[in-house]
Every structure is written in C-alpha cells, then in structure tokens.
Protein backbone atom coordinates (compact mmCIF):
# COMPACT_ATOMS: atom_id res chain seq x y z
CA MET A 1 -0.22 -0.01 0.00
CA ILE A 2 1.72 3.32 -1.11
CA LEU A 3 0.66 6.61 1.17
CA ARG A 4 0.91 9.53 -1.14
CA GLY A 5 1.26 12.80 0.72
CA PHE A 6 2.83 11.30 3.73
CA CYS A 7 6.19 12.32 4.95
CA ALA A 8 7.55 11.05 8.11
CA SER A 9 9.93 14.21 8.87
CA ILE A 10 6.69 16.36 8.50
CA LYS A 11 4.53 16.05 12.00
CA THR A 12 1.44 18.20 12.09
CA GLU A 13 -2.15 17.09 13.34
CA CYS A 14 -3.38 16.74 9.93
CA VAL A 15 -0.80 14.31 8.66
CA ASP A 16 -1.17 12.50 11.93
CA SER A 17 -4.86 11.91 12.18
CA LYS A 18 -5.19 10.91 8.31
CA TRP A 19 -2.26 8.26 9.38
CA LEU A 20 -4.28 6.85 12.32
CA ALA A 21 -7.64 7.11 10.40
CA ILE A 22 -5.86 4.94 7.87
CA LEU A 23 -4.31 2.77 10.47
CA ALA A 24 -7.54 2.40 12.09
CA ARG A 25 -9.72 1.53 9.15
CA ALA A 26 -6.74 -1.40 8.46
CA GLY A 27 -7.45 -2.81 11.91
CA LEU A 28 -3.71 -2.15 13.01
CA LEU A 29 -4.56 -0.06 15.96
CA GLN A 30 -4.91 -2.00 19.72
CA LEU A 31 -7.18 -0.46 21.85
CA SER A 32 -6.03 1.27 25.04
CA ARG A 33 -7.22 0.41 28.45
CA VAL A 34 -8.59 2.47 30.72
CA LEU A 35 -8.19 1.18 34.49
CA SER A 36 -11.07 1.55 37.05
CA GLN A 37 -10.13 3.86 39.98
CA PRO A 38 -9.43 0.80 42.56
CA TYR A 39 -6.65 -0.33 39.98
CA VAL A 40 -5.07 3.24 39.38
CA ASP A 41 -5.22 3.50 43.13
CA ILE A 42 -3.53 -0.04 43.99
CA ARG A 43 -0.84 1.00 40.91
CA GLU A 44 -0.01 4.54 42.85
CA ILE A 45 0.62 2.99 46.40
CA SER A 46 2.81 0.34 44.76
CA LEU A 47 4.95 2.80 42.87
CA LEU A 48 4.98 5.05 46.00
CA TYR A 49 6.13 1.88 47.92
CA ILE A 50 8.83 1.18 45.27
CA LYS A 51 10.08 4.91 45.58
CA VAL A 52 9.99 5.18 49.42
CA THR A 53 11.94 1.72 49.51
CA ASP A 54 14.59 2.77 46.92
CA ASP A 55 15.11 6.11 49.02
CA ALA A 56 15.37 4.69 52.47
CA PRO A 57 18.97 3.86 52.14
CA ASP A 58 19.73 7.50 51.16
CA TYR A 59 17.85 8.85 53.92
CA LYS A 60 19.50 6.34 56.50
CA ASN A 61 23.17 7.46 55.22
CA ARG A 62 22.09 11.30 55.52
CA VAL A 63 21.18 10.61 59.14
CA GLN A 64 24.19 8.33 59.89
CA LYS A 65 26.53 11.52 58.21
CA LEU A 66 24.71 14.23 60.23
CA PHE A 67 25.85 12.35 63.59
CA THR A 68 28.97 11.75 62.31
CA GLU A 69 29.68 15.61 61.21
CA SER A 70 27.81 16.39 64.71
CA GLY A 71 30.61 14.52 66.52
CA PHE A 72 28.50 11.40 67.60
CA ASN A 73 30.42 8.69 65.84
CA LEU A 74 27.66 5.94 66.35
CA SER A 75 29.33 3.51 64.00
CA CYS A 76 31.92 2.53 66.57
CA VAL A 77 29.20 1.51 69.31
CA VAL A 78 26.57 0.07 66.90
CA THR A 79 26.76 -1.76 63.93
CA GLU A 80 23.25 -0.90 62.35
CA ILE A 81 21.96 2.18 63.45
CA PHE A 82 18.44 1.72 62.48
CA GLY A 83 18.48 -1.92 63.24
CA VAL A 84 17.64 -3.95 66.35
CA SER A 85 20.64 -2.84 68.38
CA GLY A 86 20.14 0.77 67.16
C-alpha cells in the first residue's frame, strides 16, 4: 500500500490524524485500556512503595552522616543505627 502525501519528517496534526485513520481502518491499532479507579489507586500505592523503599538507604546514610559530622560517631558503638541494636 503506497501512501501519497505522507512524509515521516513532517509532523502536523492533520497528517497524524490521516495516518491514524488509515491505520484504524486497516485494523492495525490496538485499543487502549483505561483502568478503573481501584486499579489506579493500587498502581499509585505500589509505585510510591517502590520509591520509598528505594530512597530509604539514602535517608539513612544522611542521618548517619549528620550524626558523624555533629561529633556522635555511632558506628563505633553500633553496627546498624536503624537496626535492632540501634
């Protein structure tokens, strides 16, 4: 199928809409899935959990550095500041 008047370097809304219409008529577009609100909430919570667990070591290191700079060298006394012994 040869498409006349379509150039990949020119991006305008008119060209894009024509191209999408051709793809839709040919059945080459997949339908997008809109999630219901409970799924959106679960996704947001899981992404937030991942972010918090990834950032936790950074915050722990900042606290340990703050103690060390203040003159409290806790690493001599305890091995893990935020662990059972700390």
